[in-house]
Amino acid sequence: MNFGEIGASGVIMLVILVFAALGFAKGALKLFYGFVCLVGTLVAGWAGYQFGYPLVLEKWPKIPEYGQYFCGIVCGILAFLLLKTLTDFFSNPFAKEQEERKKGSGIFGLLTGFALGFVICLLGMHRLVDKGTWAEIDYWIAQASDAAPEELPNLAKLKYDFLNSAVGKQVARFISQDESGAQNLAKLAIMQVAAPEKLQALASDPAIASTLESPKVQEFLQDPAIKESIEKGDTAAILAHPGFIALMADTELNHAIAQIDIEQALKLR
């Protein structure tokens, strides 16, 4: 068979079919690579959520509750970036360096950078709130000493300055009720031993008194084991106390305790 037998139109049709076949093969390959990226991202995200979080928890015991989701998201993003780089290389190993730089600074790079920056900032701000709360707890523990501080630590003040800002009010939405309730209940338990007069002053507010006078709350606060733990400085024992766990499991009481602004009610700030 020669050119004369198939004719010009036949050659053109043959060329079209060849390019169509190549295009189909390339499209199928890209589809396969996309599937690999998707599956790899999901698997890595699940692994980070399931197995990465316990490892992070060992190094950072006070990681926020949503830290488990953060671990999954970070692992998923890292896996996607790695798989995307590999599949891009295999699909076009001779891509020009300039084109690669252009792809890296595209919309995906911007969105990824924004997402990671947002999550890191959110965790940092949550860390500030958490540190401020522990500064308050240290303040109440110190009330039992001879040189009891009169003012709240600067870190605690900074925490509330931040929470009262427009950004802080949005961040507060990510702090769970259980976490706020647990922090307040721990402070109330410490006040019962270290500063009982301040606890009585707090109970002078009828709205707060209705919560503090609850039989479950009183039973927990009056437990001798709580007093012993506080005198030893063992705050971890307070959190592990069965009465503490039971109060946190009571949704209504948990919510009521979380709503108490102890320092504001006592005009410490």
C-alpha atoms as a PDB file:
ATOM      1  CA  MET A   1       0.000   0.000   0.000  1.00  0.00           C
ATOM      2  CA  ASN A   2       1.417   3.400  -0.960  1.00  0.00           C
ATOM      3  CA  PHE A   3       0.396   7.018  -0.738  1.00  0.00           C
ATOM      4  CA  GLY A   4      -1.434   6.888  -4.024  1.00  0.00           C
ATOM      5  CA  GLU A   5      -3.675   4.033  -2.859  1.00  0.00           C
ATOM      6  CA  ILE A   6      -4.823   5.576   0.426  1.00  0.00           C
ATOM      7  CA  GLY A   7      -4.942   9.141  -0.808  1.00  0.00           C
ATOM      8  CA  ALA A   8      -4.420  12.437   1.005  1.00  0.00           C
ATOM      9  CA  SER A   9      -7.721  12.212   2.883  1.00  0.00           C
ATOM     10  CA  GLY A  10      -6.803   8.766   4.174  1.00  0.00           C
ATOM     11  CA  VAL A  11      -3.455  10.026   5.463  1.00  0.00           C
ATOM     12  CA  ILE A  12      -5.162  12.924   7.220  1.00  0.00           C
ATOM     13  CA  MET A  13      -7.696  10.538   8.786  1.00  0.00           C
ATOM     14  CA  LEU A  14      -4.892   8.246   9.908  1.00  0.00           C
ATOM     15  CA  VAL A  15      -3.034  11.149  11.518  1.00  0.00           C
ATOM     16  CA  ILE A  16      -6.234  12.237  13.289  1.00  0.00           C
ATOM     17  CA  LEU A  17      -6.793   8.715  14.612  1.00  0.00           C
ATOM     18  CA  VAL A  18      -3.202   8.495  15.857  1.00  0.00           C
ATOM     19  CA  PHE A  19      -3.464  11.819  17.686  1.00  0.00           C
ATOM     20  CA  ALA A  20      -6.874  10.854  19.064  1.00  0.00           C
ATOM     21  CA  ALA A  21      -5.436   7.592  20.373  1.00  0.00           C
ATOM     22  CA  LEU A  22      -2.494   9.436  21.947  1.00  0.00           C
ATOM     23  CA  GLY A  23      -4.826  12.018  23.470  1.00  0.00           C
ATOM     24  CA  PHE A  24      -7.074   9.299  24.870  1.00  0.00           C
ATOM     25  CA  ALA A  25      -4.075   7.459  26.334  1.00  0.00           C
ATOM     26  CA  LYS A  26      -2.734  10.645  27.893  1.00  0.00           C
ATOM     27  CA  GLY A  27      -6.172  11.532  29.291  1.00  0.00           C
ATOM     28  CA  ALA A  28      -6.588   8.044  30.729  1.00  0.00           C
ATOM     29  CA  LEU A  29      -3.136   8.294  32.307  1.00  0.00           C
ATOM     30  CA  LYS A  30      -3.960  11.647  33.869  1.00  0.00           C
ATOM     31  CA  LEU A  31      -7.229  10.194  35.149  1.00  0.00           C
ATOM     32  CA  PHE A  32      -5.321   7.310  36.705  1.00  0.00           C
ATOM     33  CA  TYR A  33      -2.786   9.671  38.277  1.00  0.00           C
ATOM     34  CA  GLY A  34      -5.645  11.786  39.631  1.00  0.00           C
ATOM     35  CA  PHE A  35      -7.204   8.674  41.140  1.00  0.00           C
ATOM     36  CA  VAL A  36      -3.863   7.769  42.761  1.00  0.00           C
ATOM     37  CA  CYS A  37      -3.591  11.276  44.255  1.00  0.00           C
ATOM     38  CA  LEU A  38      -7.147  11.137  45.579  1.00  0.00           C
ATOM     39  CA  VAL A  39      -6.801   7.697  47.156  1.00  0.00           C
ATOM     40  CA  GLY A  40      -3.355   8.513  48.585  1.00  0.00           C
ATOM     41  CA  THR A  41      -4.660  11.761  50.085  1.00  0.00           C
ATOM     42  CA  LEU A  42      -7.638  10.046  51.720  1.00  0.00           C
ATOM     43  CA  VAL A  43      -5.515   7.197  53.094  1.00  0.00           C
ATOM     44  CA  ALA A  44      -2.887   9.608  54.461  1.00  0.00           C
ATOM     45  CA  GLY A  45      -5.604  11.802  55.986  1.00  0.00           C
ATOM     46  CA  TRP A  46      -7.192   8.802  57.678  1.00  0.00           C
ATOM     47  CA  ALA A  47      -3.793   7.570  58.917  1.00  0.00           C
ATOM     48  CA  GLY A  48      -2.971  11.002  60.346  1.00  0.00           C
ATOM     49  CA  TYR A  49      -6.369  11.187  62.050  1.00  0.00           C
ATOM     50  CA  GLN A  50      -6.201   7.645  63.415  1.00  0.00           C
ATOM     51  CA  PHE A  51      -2.513   7.061  64.158  1.00  0.00           C
ATOM     52  CA  GLY A  52      -0.762  10.440  63.901  1.00  0.00           C
ATOM     53  CA  TYR A  53      -2.886  12.122  66.572  1.00  0.00           C
ATOM     54  CA  PRO A  54      -1.827   9.764  69.436  1.00  0.00           C
ATOM     55  CA  LEU A  55       1.828  10.441  68.573  1.00  0.00           C
ATOM     56  CA  VAL A  56       1.263  14.201  68.636  1.00  0.00           C
ATOM     57  CA  LEU A  57      -0.704  13.822  71.883  1.00  0.00           C
ATOM     58  CA  GLU A  58       2.347  12.285  73.565  1.00  0.00           C
ATOM     59  CA  LYS A  59       4.412  15.385  72.771  1.00  0.00           C
ATOM     60  CA  TRP A  60       1.598  17.911  73.235  1.00  0.00           C
ATOM     61  CA  PRO A  61      -0.875  16.585  75.866  1.00  0.00           C
ATOM     62  CA  LYS A  62      -2.931  19.780  75.829  1.00  0.00           C
ATOM     63  CA  ILE A  63      -3.582  19.778  72.100  1.00  0.00           C
ATOM     64  CA  PRO A  64      -7.121  21.076  71.331  1.00  0.00           C
ATOM     65  CA  GLU A  65      -9.853  18.541  70.612  1.00  0.00           C
ATOM     66  CA  TYR A  66      -9.897  19.452  66.927  1.00  0.00           C
ATOM     67  CA  GLY A  67      -6.160  18.699  66.787  1.00  0.00           C
ATOM     68  CA  GLN A  68      -7.075  15.212  65.582  1.00  0.00           C
ATOM     69  CA  TYR A  69      -8.689  16.717  62.493  1.00  0.00           C
ATOM     70  CA  PHE A  70      -5.679  18.988  62.026  1.00  0.00           C
ATOM     71  CA  CYS A  71      -3.353  15.954  62.028  1.00  0.00           C
ATOM     72  CA  GLY A  72      -5.487  14.286  59.376  1.00  0.00           C
ATOM     73  CA  ILE A  73      -5.656  17.421  57.220  1.00  0.00           C
ATOM     74  CA  VAL A  74      -1.899  18.054  57.377  1.00  0.00           C
ATOM     75  CA  CYS A  75      -1.066  14.429  56.522  1.00  0.00           C
ATOM     76  CA  GLY A  76      -3.557  14.508  53.652  1.00  0.00           C
ATOM     77  CA  ILE A  77      -2.148  17.769  52.239  1.00  0.00           C
ATOM     78  CA  LEU A  78       1.444  16.559  52.494  1.00  0.00           C
ATOM     79  CA  ALA A  79       0.552  13.266  50.802  1.00  0.00           C
ATOM     80  CA  PHE A  80      -1.289  15.104  48.025  1.00  0.00           C
ATOM     81  CA  LEU A  81       1.636  17.461  47.389  1.00  0.00           C
ATOM     82  CA  LEU A  82       4.077  14.542  47.258  1.00  0.00           C
ATOM     83  CA  LEU A  83       1.874  12.407  44.997  1.00  0.00           C
ATOM     84  CA  LYS A  84       1.076  15.385  42.761  1.00  0.00           C
ATOM     85  CA  THR A  85       4.792  16.093  42.317  1.00  0.00           C
ATOM     86  CA  LEU A  86       5.532  12.465  41.470  1.00  0.00           C
ATOM     87  CA  THR A  87       2.633  12.028  39.056  1.00  0.00           C
ATOM     88  CA  ASP A  88       3.429  15.328  37.328  1.00  0.00           C
ATOM     89  CA  PHE A  89       6.996  14.146  36.841  1.00  0.00           C
ATOM     90  CA  PHE A  90       5.976  10.754  35.446  1.00  0.00           C
ATOM     91  CA  SER A  91       3.371  12.278  33.138  1.00  0.00           C
ATOM     92  CA  ASN A  92       5.836  14.855  31.815  1.00  0.00           C
ATOM     93  CA  PRO A  93       9.402  14.156  33.015  1.00  0.00           C
ATOM     94  CA  PHE A  94      10.867  16.748  30.656  1.00  0.00           C
ATOM     95  CA  ALA A  95       8.752  19.680  31.826  1.00  0.00           C
ATOM     96  CA  LYS A  96      10.605  22.953  31.797  1.00  0.00           C
ATOM     97  CA  GLU A  97      11.687  24.384  35.114  1.00  0.00           C
ATOM     98  CA  GLN A  98       9.866  27.604  34.379  1.00  0.00           C
ATOM     99  CA  GLU A  99       6.584  25.768  33.836  1.00  0.00           C
ATOM    100  CA  GLU A 100       7.046  23.883  37.107  1.00  0.00           C
ATOM    101  CA  ARG A 101       7.585  27.151  38.968  1.00  0.00           C
ATOM    102  CA  LYS A 102       4.483  28.578  37.384  1.00  0.00           C
ATOM    103  CA  LYS A 103       2.400  25.603  38.476  1.00  0.00           C
ATOM    104  CA  GLY A 104       3.744  25.823  41.999  1.00  0.00           C
ATOM    105  CA  SER A 105       2.633  29.454  42.321  1.00  0.00           C
ATOM    106  CA  GLY A 106      -0.825  28.858  40.853  1.00  0.00           C
ATOM    107  CA  ILE A 107      -4.212  28.887  42.527  1.00  0.00           C
ATOM    108  CA  PHE A 108      -3.590  25.538  44.205  1.00  0.00           C
ATOM    109  CA  GLY A 109      -0.417  26.813  45.848  1.00  0.00           C
ATOM    110  CA  LEU A 110      -2.210  29.936  47.036  1.00  0.00           C
ATOM    111  CA  LEU A 111      -5.148  27.975  48.462  1.00  0.00           C
ATOM    112  CA  THR A 112      -2.854  25.470  50.158  1.00  0.00           C
ATOM    113  CA  GLY A 113      -0.734  28.222  51.696  1.00  0.00           C
ATOM    114  CA  PHE A 114      -3.847  30.065  52.890  1.00  0.00           C
ATOM    115  CA  ALA A 115      -5.349  26.907  54.418  1.00  0.00           C
ATOM    116  CA  LEU A 116      -2.153  25.946  56.229  1.00  0.00           C
ATOM    117  CA  GLY A 117      -1.594  29.522  57.406  1.00  0.00           C
ATOM    118  CA  PHE A 118      -5.171  29.741  58.709  1.00  0.00           C
ATOM    119  CA  VAL A 119      -4.925  26.461  60.636  1.00  0.00           C
ATOM    120  CA  ILE A 120      -1.540  27.381  62.130  1.00  0.00           C
ATOM    121  CA  CYS A 121      -2.832  30.805  63.210  1.00  0.00           C
ATOM    122  CA  LEU A 122      -5.956  29.224  64.687  1.00  0.00           C
ATOM    123  CA  LEU A 123      -3.915  26.746  66.706  1.00  0.00           C
ATOM    124  CA  GLY A 124      -1.582  29.537  67.836  1.00  0.00           C
ATOM    125  CA  MET A 125      -4.485  31.675  69.035  1.00  0.00           C
ATOM    126  CA  HIS A 126      -6.066  28.685  70.771  1.00  0.00           C
ATOM    127  CA  ARG A 127      -2.717  28.078  72.448  1.00  0.00           C
ATOM    128  CA  LEU A 128      -2.738  31.655  73.743  1.00  0.00           C
ATOM    129  CA  VAL A 129      -6.188  31.131  75.278  1.00  0.00           C
ATOM    130  CA  ASP A 130      -5.103  27.825  76.801  1.00  0.00           C
ATOM    131  CA  LYS A 131      -1.933  29.329  78.306  1.00  0.00           C
ATOM    132  CA  GLY A 132      -3.957  32.243  79.679  1.00  0.00           C
ATOM    133  CA  THR A 133      -6.336  29.817  81.389  1.00  0.00           C
ATOM    134  CA  TRP A 134      -3.469  27.916  83.002  1.00  0.00           C
ATOM    135  CA  ALA A 135      -2.066  31.238  84.204  1.00  0.00           C
ATOM    136  CA  GLU A 136      -5.422  31.852  85.910  1.00  0.00           C
ATOM    137  CA  ILE A 137      -5.321  28.391  87.493  1.00  0.00           C
ATOM    138  CA  ASP A 138      -1.796  29.116  88.801  1.00  0.00           C
ATOM    139  CA  TYR A 139      -3.119  32.398  90.179  1.00  0.00           C
ATOM    140  CA  TRP A 140      -5.833  30.628  92.175  1.00  0.00           C
ATOM    141  CA  ILE A 141      -3.393  27.992  93.446  1.00  0.00           C
ATOM    142  CA  ALA A 142      -1.087  30.794  94.607  1.00  0.00           C
ATOM    143  CA  GLN A 143      -3.907  32.293  96.704  1.00  0.00           C
ATOM    144  CA  ALA A 144      -3.144  29.684  99.362  1.00  0.00           C
ATOM    145  CA  SER A 145       0.396  30.995  99.819  1.00  0.00           C
ATOM    146  CA  ASP A 146       1.499  33.773 102.169  1.00  0.00           C
ATOM    147  CA  ALA A 147       2.463  35.998  99.227  1.00  0.00           C
ATOM    148  CA  ALA A 148      -0.770  35.613  97.305  1.00  0.00           C
ATOM    149  CA  PRO A 149      -0.788  37.766  94.144  1.00  0.00           C
ATOM    150  CA  GLU A 150      -3.410  40.509  94.046  1.00  0.00           C
ATOM    151  CA  GLU A 151      -3.645  40.871  90.265  1.00  0.00           C
ATOM    152  CA  LEU A 152      -4.141  38.355  87.511  1.00  0.00           C
ATOM    153  CA  PRO A 153      -1.030  37.384  85.513  1.00  0.00           C
ATOM    154  CA  ASN A 154      -0.387  39.429  82.390  1.00  0.00           C
ATOM    155  CA  LEU A 155      -0.910  36.332  80.239  1.00  0.00           C
ATOM    156  CA  ALA A 156      -4.420  35.916  81.651  1.00  0.00           C
ATOM    157  CA  LYS A 157      -5.178  39.578  80.911  1.00  0.00           C
ATOM    158  CA  LEU A 158      -3.811  39.183  77.403  1.00  0.00           C
ATOM    159  CA  LYS A 159      -6.092  36.191  76.918  1.00  0.00           C
ATOM    160  CA  TYR A 160      -9.207  38.246  77.706  1.00  0.00           C
ATOM    161  CA  ASP A 161      -8.044  41.236  75.691  1.00  0.00           C
ATOM    162  CA  PHE A 162      -7.755  38.861  72.768  1.00  0.00           C
ATOM    163  CA  LEU A 163     -11.111  37.125  73.388  1.00  0.00           C
ATOM    164  CA  ASN A 164     -12.859  40.508  73.559  1.00  0.00           C
ATOM    165  CA  SER A 165     -11.477  41.489  70.152  1.00  0.00           C
ATOM    166  CA  ALA A 166     -13.364  40.856  66.904  1.00  0.00           C
ATOM    167  CA  VAL A 167     -10.963  38.075  65.905  1.00  0.00           C
ATOM    168  CA  GLY A 168     -10.983  36.549  69.393  1.00  0.00           C
ATOM    169  CA  LYS A 169     -14.772  36.272  69.403  1.00  0.00           C
ATOM    170  CA  GLN A 170     -14.572  34.218  66.227  1.00  0.00           C
ATOM    171  CA  VAL A 171     -11.812  32.019  67.652  1.00  0.00           C
ATOM    172  CA  ALA A 172     -13.912  31.441  70.796  1.00  0.00           C
ATOM    173  CA  ARG A 173     -16.445  29.660  68.592  1.00  0.00           C
ATOM    174  CA  PHE A 174     -13.872  26.894  68.059  1.00  0.00           C
ATOM    175  CA  ILE A 175     -13.442  26.348  71.828  1.00  0.00           C
ATOM    176  CA  SER A 176     -15.815  23.615  72.941  1.00  0.00           C
ATOM    177  CA  GLN A 177     -18.223  24.019  75.831  1.00  0.00           C
ATOM    178  CA  ASP A 178     -16.724  20.933  77.502  1.00  0.00           C
ATOM    179  CA  GLU A 179     -13.293  22.548  77.531  1.00  0.00           C
ATOM    180  CA  SER A 180     -14.556  25.821  79.039  1.00  0.00           C
ATOM    181  CA  GLY A 181     -16.646  23.955  81.603  1.00  0.00           C
ATOM    182  CA  ALA A 182     -13.717  21.769  82.649  1.00  0.00           C
ATOM    183  CA  GLN A 183     -11.427  24.778  83.098  1.00  0.00           C
ATOM    184  CA  ASN A 184     -13.985  26.657  85.198  1.00  0.00           C
ATOM    185  CA  LEU A 185     -14.775  23.624  87.355  1.00  0.00           C
ATOM    186  CA  ALA A 186     -11.064  23.098  88.054  1.00  0.00           C
ATOM    187  CA  LYS A 187     -10.750  26.746  89.123  1.00  0.00           C
ATOM    188  CA  LEU A 188     -13.803  26.467  91.390  1.00  0.00           C
ATOM    189  CA  ALA A 189     -12.345  23.371  93.060  1.00  0.00           C
ATOM    190  CA  ILE A 190      -9.064  25.195  93.683  1.00  0.00           C
ATOM    191  CA  MET A 191     -10.892  28.262  95.035  1.00  0.00           C
ATOM    192  CA  GLN A 192     -12.785  26.075  97.491  1.00  0.00           C
ATOM    193  CA  VAL A 193      -9.446  25.272  99.167  1.00  0.00           C
ATOM    194  CA  ALA A 194      -7.125  28.169  98.313  1.00  0.00           C
ATOM    195  CA  ALA A 195      -9.549  31.112  98.365  1.00  0.00           C
ATOM    196  CA  PRO A 196     -12.891  30.115  99.970  1.00  0.00           C
ATOM    197  CA  GLU A 197     -13.777  33.755 100.656  1.00  0.00           C
ATOM    198  CA  LYS A 198     -13.547  34.491  96.917  1.00  0.00           C
ATOM    199  CA  LEU A 199     -15.796  31.525  96.196  1.00  0.00           C
ATOM    200  CA  GLN A 200     -18.350  32.875  98.685  1.00  0.00           C
ATOM    201  CA  ALA A 201     -18.165  36.278  97.006  1.00  0.00           C
ATOM    202  CA  LEU A 202     -18.750  34.574  93.683  1.00  0.00           C
ATOM    203  CA  ALA A 203     -21.822  32.804  95.110  1.00  0.00           C
ATOM    204  CA  SER A 204     -23.333  36.171  96.052  1.00  0.00           C
ATOM    205  CA  ASP A 205     -24.431  36.476  92.439  1.00  0.00           C
ATOM    206  CA  PRO A 206     -27.847  34.720  92.306  1.00  0.00           C
ATOM    207  CA  ALA A 207     -27.294  33.468  88.738  1.00  0.00           C
ATOM    208  CA  ILE A 208     -23.981  31.871  89.710  1.00  0.00           C
ATOM    209  CA  ALA A 209     -25.250  30.657  93.101  1.00  0.00           C
ATOM    210  CA  SER A 210     -27.920  28.510  91.429  1.00  0.00           C
ATOM    211  CA  THR A 211     -25.152  26.565  89.693  1.00  0.00           C
ATOM    212  CA  LEU A 212     -22.732  26.406  92.640  1.00  0.00           C
ATOM    213  CA  GLU A 213     -25.454  25.227  95.035  1.00  0.00           C
ATOM    214  CA  SER A 214     -26.350  22.279  92.834  1.00  0.00           C
ATOM    215  CA  PRO A 215     -26.055  19.071  94.919  1.00  0.00           C
ATOM    216  CA  LYS A 216     -23.718  17.483  92.361  1.00  0.00           C
ATOM    217  CA  VAL A 217     -21.417  20.515  92.340  1.00  0.00           C
ATOM    218  CA  GLN A 218     -21.369  20.749  96.139  1.00  0.00           C
ATOM    219  CA  GLU A 219     -20.674  17.043  96.503  1.00  0.00           C
ATOM    220  CA  PHE A 220     -17.678  17.387  94.214  1.00  0.00           C
ATOM    221  CA  LEU A 221     -16.318  20.580  95.815  1.00  0.00           C
ATOM    222  CA  GLN A 222     -16.658  19.213  99.367  1.00  0.00           C
ATOM    223  CA  ASP A 223     -14.954  15.897  98.618  1.00  0.00           C
ATOM    224  CA  PRO A 224     -11.887  15.534 100.901  1.00  0.00           C
ATOM    225  CA  ALA A 225      -9.974  13.916  98.037  1.00  0.00           C
ATOM    226  CA  ILE A 226     -10.228  17.182  96.098  1.00  0.00           C
ATOM    227  CA  LYS A 227      -8.807  19.159  99.004  1.00  0.00           C
ATOM    228  CA  GLU A 228      -5.961  16.683  99.369  1.00  0.00           C
ATOM    229  CA  SER A 229      -5.133  16.849  95.643  1.00  0.00           C
ATOM    230  CA  ILE A 230      -5.073  20.643  95.659  1.00  0.00           C
ATOM    231  CA  GLU A 231      -2.874  20.803  98.753  1.00  0.00           C
ATOM    232  CA  LYS A 232      -0.432  18.497  96.961  1.00  0.00           C
ATOM    233  CA  GLY A 233      -0.607  20.633  93.824  1.00  0.00           C
ATOM    234  CA  ASP A 234      -1.903  17.655  91.845  1.00  0.00           C
ATOM    235  CA  THR A 235      -4.295  19.338  89.409  1.00  0.00           C
ATOM    236  CA  ALA A 236      -4.296  16.242  87.201  1.00  0.00           C
ATOM    237  CA  ALA A 237      -6.026  14.320  89.999  1.00  0.00           C
ATOM    238  CA  ILE A 238      -8.862  16.863  89.923  1.00  0.00           C
ATOM    239  CA  LEU A 239      -9.484  16.220  86.241  1.00  0.00           C
ATOM    240  CA  ALA A 240      -9.460  12.458  86.816  1.00  0.00           C
ATOM    241  CA  HIS A 241     -11.832  12.598  89.794  1.00  0.00           C
ATOM    242  CA  PRO A 242     -15.086  10.634  89.200  1.00  0.00           C
ATOM    243  CA  GLY A 243     -17.149  13.600  90.389  1.00  0.00           C
ATOM    244  CA  PHE A 244     -15.397  15.878  87.888  1.00  0.00           C
ATOM    245  CA  ILE A 245     -16.047  13.445  85.050  1.00  0.00           C
ATOM    246  CA  ALA A 246     -19.707  13.054  86.086  1.00  0.00           C
ATOM    247  CA  LEU A 247     -20.248  16.824  86.125  1.00  0.00           C
ATOM    248  CA  MET A 248     -18.689  17.213  82.701  1.00  0.00           C
ATOM    249  CA  ALA A 249     -20.990  14.467  81.400  1.00  0.00           C
ATOM    250  CA  ASP A 250     -24.029  16.397  82.667  1.00  0.00           C
ATOM    251  CA  THR A 251     -24.760  18.615  79.647  1.00  0.00           C
ATOM    252  CA  GLU A 252     -26.923  21.113  81.534  1.00  0.00           C
ATOM    253  CA  LEU A 253     -24.509  21.610  84.436  1.00  0.00           C
ATOM    254  CA  ASN A 254     -21.516  21.612  82.107  1.00  0.00           C
ATOM    255  CA  HIS A 255     -23.072  24.436  80.097  1.00  0.00           C
ATOM    256  CA  ALA A 256     -23.955  26.403  83.255  1.00  0.00           C
ATOM    257  CA  ILE A 257     -20.417  26.092  84.653  1.00  0.00           C
ATOM    258  CA  ALA A 258     -18.920  27.092  81.304  1.00  0.00           C
ATOM    259  CA  GLN A 259     -20.972  30.309  81.342  1.00  0.00           C
ATOM    260  CA  ILE A 260     -19.466  31.520  84.643  1.00  0.00           C
ATOM    261  CA  ASP A 261     -16.905  34.266  84.058  1.00  0.00           C
ATOM    262  CA  ILE A 262     -15.133  33.880  87.405  1.00  0.00           C
ATOM    263  CA  GLU A 263     -12.552  36.660  87.079  1.00  0.00           C
ATOM    264  CA  GLN A 264     -15.038  39.157  85.650  1.00  0.00           C
ATOM    265  CA  ALA A 265     -17.604  38.424  88.367  1.00  0.00           C
ATOM    266  CA  LEU A 266     -14.926  39.058  91.037  1.00  0.00           C
ATOM    267  CA  LYS A 267     -13.831  42.255  89.250  1.00  0.00           C
ATOM    268  CA  LEU A 268     -10.280  41.015  88.815  1.00  0.00           C
ATOM    269  CA  ARG A 269     -10.192  42.443  85.310  1.00  0.00           C
END
